[in-house]
C-alpha atoms as a PDB file:
ATOM      1  CA  MET A   1       0.000   0.000   0.000  1.00  0.00           C
ATOM      2  CA  LYS A   2       1.382   3.362  -0.968  1.00  0.00           C
ATOM      3  CA  ALA A   3       1.220   6.329   1.340  1.00  0.00           C
ATOM      4  CA  ARG A   4      -1.032   8.220  -1.074  1.00  0.00           C
ATOM      5  CA  ASP A   5      -3.634   5.414  -1.172  1.00  0.00           C
ATOM      6  CA  LEU A   6      -4.901   6.024   2.329  1.00  0.00           C
ATOM      7  CA  SER A   7      -5.555   9.352   3.951  1.00  0.00           C
ATOM      8  CA  ILE A   8      -7.162   9.561   7.361  1.00  0.00           C
ATOM      9  CA  GLN A   9      -8.505  12.967   8.328  1.00  0.00           C
ATOM     10  CA  PRO A  10      -9.824  13.259  11.892  1.00  0.00           C
ATOM     11  CA  ARG A  11     -12.600  15.870  12.132  1.00  0.00           C
ATOM     12  CA  GLY A  12     -14.508  16.377  15.344  1.00  0.00           C
ATOM     13  CA  GLY A  13     -14.073  12.802  16.564  1.00  0.00           C
ATOM     14  CA  ILE A  14     -14.986  11.312  13.182  1.00  0.00           C
ATOM     15  CA  VAL A  15     -12.330   9.547  11.177  1.00  0.00           C
ATOM     16  CA  ARG A  16     -12.752   9.940   7.437  1.00  0.00           C
ATOM     17  CA  VAL A  17     -10.987   7.617   5.057  1.00  0.00           C
ATOM     18  CA  ALA A  18     -10.467   8.937   1.560  1.00  0.00           C
ATOM     19  CA  HIS A  19     -10.247   5.546  -0.169  1.00  0.00           C
ATOM     20  CA  PHE A  20     -13.146   3.456   1.096  1.00  0.00           C
ATOM     21  CA  ASN A  21     -12.098   0.442  -1.020  1.00  0.00           C
ATOM     22  CA  ILE A  22      -9.294  -0.175   1.455  1.00  0.00           C
ATOM     23  CA  VAL A  23     -11.589  -0.081   4.482  1.00  0.00           C
ATOM     24  CA  ARG A  24     -14.558  -1.944   2.938  1.00  0.00           C
ATOM     25  CA  PRO A  25     -13.313  -5.485   3.844  1.00  0.00           C
ATOM     26  CA  LEU A  26     -12.658  -4.390   7.432  1.00  0.00           C
ATOM     27  CA  ALA A  27     -16.105  -2.811   7.728  1.00  0.00           C
ATOM     28  CA  ARG A  28     -17.727  -5.918   6.231  1.00  0.00           C
ATOM     29  CA  ASP A  29     -15.889  -8.181   8.686  1.00  0.00           C
ATOM     30  CA  CYS A  30     -16.906  -6.000  11.644  1.00  0.00           C
ATOM     31  CA  VAL A  31     -20.560  -6.088  10.628  1.00  0.00           C
ATOM     32  CA  ALA A  32     -20.346  -9.858  10.089  1.00  0.00           C
ATOM     33  CA  ALA A  33     -18.834 -10.335  13.566  1.00  0.00           C
ATOM     34  CA  ILE A  34     -21.598  -8.270  15.169  1.00  0.00           C
ATOM     35  CA  ALA A  35     -24.261 -10.205  13.239  1.00  0.00           C
ATOM     36  CA  GLU A  36     -22.742 -13.509  14.339  1.00  0.00           C
ATOM     37  CA  PHE A  37     -22.735 -12.344  17.967  1.00  0.00           C
ATOM     38  CA  GLU A  38     -26.393 -11.258  17.710  1.00  0.00           C
ATOM     39  CA  ARG A  39     -27.321 -14.595  16.137  1.00  0.00           C
ATOM     40  CA  GLU A  40     -25.694 -16.444  19.032  1.00  0.00           C
ATOM     41  CA  LEU A  41     -27.653 -14.331  21.536  1.00  0.00           C
ATOM     42  CA  ILE A  42     -30.901 -15.153  19.718  1.00  0.00           C
ATOM     43  CA  ARG A  43     -30.000 -18.864  19.704  1.00  0.00           C
ATOM     44  CA  GLU A  44     -29.354 -18.807  23.460  1.00  0.00           C
ATOM     45  CA  ARG A  45     -32.602 -16.978  24.258  1.00  0.00           C
ATOM     46  CA  THR A  46     -34.761 -19.206  22.080  1.00  0.00           C
ATOM     47  CA  GLY A  47     -33.055 -22.323  23.427  1.00  0.00           C
ATOM     48  CA  GLU A  48     -33.773 -21.208  26.980  1.00  0.00           C
ATOM     49  CA  GLY A  49     -37.403 -20.492  26.074  1.00  0.00           C
ATOM     50  CA  ARG A  50     -37.778 -23.927  24.476  1.00  0.00           C
ATOM     51  CA  ARG A  51     -36.285 -25.610  27.540  1.00  0.00           C
ATOM     52  CA  ARG A  52     -38.701 -23.786  29.874  1.00  0.00           C
ATOM     53  CA  ALA A  53     -41.645 -24.645  27.631  1.00  0.00           C
ATOM     54  CA  GLN A  54     -40.684 -28.331  27.629  1.00  0.00           C
ATOM     55  CA  GLU A  55     -40.475 -28.261  31.436  1.00  0.00           C
ATOM     56  CA  ARG A  56     -44.066 -26.949  31.449  1.00  0.00           C
ATOM     57  CA  GLY A  57     -45.083 -29.870  29.241  1.00  0.00           C
ATOM     58  CA  VAL A  58     -45.471 -28.064  25.922  1.00  0.00           C
ATOM     59  CA  ARG A  59     -45.138 -30.476  23.019  1.00  0.00           C
ATOM     60  CA  PHE A  60     -43.417 -29.340  19.835  1.00  0.00           C
ATOM     61  CA  GLY A  61     -44.172 -30.447  16.313  1.00  0.00           C
ATOM     62  CA  PRO A  62     -47.388 -31.239  14.499  1.00  0.00           C
ATOM     63  CA  LYS A  63     -50.356 -32.585  16.408  1.00  0.00           C
ATOM     64  CA  PRO A  64     -51.011 -36.323  16.076  1.00  0.00           C
ATOM     65  CA  LYS A  65     -53.491 -37.200  13.322  1.00  0.00           C
ATOM     66  CA  LEU A  66     -55.030 -40.013  15.371  1.00  0.00           C
ATOM     67  CA  SER A  67     -55.995 -40.047  19.032  1.00  0.00           C
ATOM     68  CA  ASP A  68     -54.734 -42.818  21.308  1.00  0.00           C
ATOM     69  CA  PHE A  69     -58.123 -44.528  21.063  1.00  0.00           C
ATOM     70  CA  GLN A  70     -58.038 -44.392  17.258  1.00  0.00           C
ATOM     71  CA  ARG A  71     -54.522 -45.819  17.223  1.00  0.00           C
ATOM     72  CA  ARG A  72     -55.532 -48.757  19.416  1.00  0.00           C
ATOM     73  CA  GLU A  73     -58.645 -49.305  17.316  1.00  0.00           C
ATOM     74  CA  ALA A  74     -56.645 -49.212  14.050  1.00  0.00           C
ATOM     75  CA  LEU A  75     -54.147 -51.714  15.443  1.00  0.00           C
ATOM     76  CA  ALA A  76     -56.982 -54.033  16.472  1.00  0.00           C
ATOM     77  CA  ARG A  77     -58.563 -53.751  13.002  1.00  0.00           C
ATOM     78  CA  ARG A  78     -55.186 -54.456  11.432  1.00  0.00           C
ATOM     79  CA  GLY A  79     -54.809 -57.497  13.674  1.00  0.00           C
ATOM     80  CA  ASN A  80     -58.211 -58.747  12.472  1.00  0.00           C
ATOM     81  CA  GLY A  81     -56.906 -58.742   8.896  1.00  0.00           C
ATOM     82  CA  GLU A  82     -58.555 -55.587   7.554  1.00  0.00           C
ATOM     83  CA  THR A  83     -56.587 -53.961   4.735  1.00  0.00           C
ATOM     84  CA  LEU A  84     -54.396 -50.965   5.450  1.00  0.00           C
ATOM     85  CA  ALA A  85     -56.159 -48.991   2.710  1.00  0.00           C
ATOM     86  CA  ALA A  86     -59.583 -49.541   4.282  1.00  0.00           C
ATOM     87  CA  ILE A  87     -58.354 -48.540   7.726  1.00  0.00           C
ATOM     88  CA  ALA A  88     -56.580 -45.465   6.354  1.00  0.00           C
ATOM     89  CA  LYS A  89     -59.646 -44.382   4.391  1.00  0.00           C
ATOM     90  CA  SER A  90     -61.898 -44.628   7.449  1.00  0.00           C
ATOM     91  CA  TYR A  91     -59.596 -42.272   9.404  1.00  0.00           C
ATOM     92  CA  ALA A  92     -58.780 -40.006   6.432  1.00  0.00           C
ATOM     93  CA  VAL A  93     -55.040 -40.621   6.737  1.00  0.00           C
ATOM     94  CA  SER A  94     -52.436 -42.153   4.431  1.00  0.00           C
ATOM     95  CA  VAL A  95     -51.788 -45.885   4.172  1.00  0.00           C
ATOM     96  CA  SER A  96     -48.174 -45.300   5.207  1.00  0.00           C
ATOM     97  CA  MET A  97     -49.352 -43.749   8.475  1.00  0.00           C
ATOM     98  CA  ILE A  98     -51.383 -46.851   9.312  1.00  0.00           C
ATOM     99  CA  SER A  99     -48.462 -49.084   8.354  1.00  0.00           C
ATOM    100  CA  ARG A 100     -46.225 -47.201  10.839  1.00  0.00           C
ATOM    101  CA  LEU A 101     -48.514 -47.913  13.795  1.00  0.00           C
END
C-alpha cells in the first residue's frame, strides 16, 4: 500500500478515510462479527425459552393425526386382517401412516 492510497482525516471525533475500497473489507468483517454475535444471543434466548416450555409440558411439532383410542382401534382392526387402505380411508389418513402404527 502506498502512502497516497490512504488518507485519514480526523474531524470532530470522526475519522474519514479517503479511499473506502481499502476499508470496505474491514467494515464488512466488523458487521459480520456483530451479526454472528447477535445470532448467538438469539439462539441462546430461544433455546432457553424452548427448555422452559418443555419443562411446562409443551409439546413441539405437528399434532397427532389419530388419538390414542383411534390408534388402538386401528391396530386391532389391522390385527383382524382388515386392509391398510380400508383402515386409512376410514380415518382419512395415508396408508403409510397406518403401516407405521
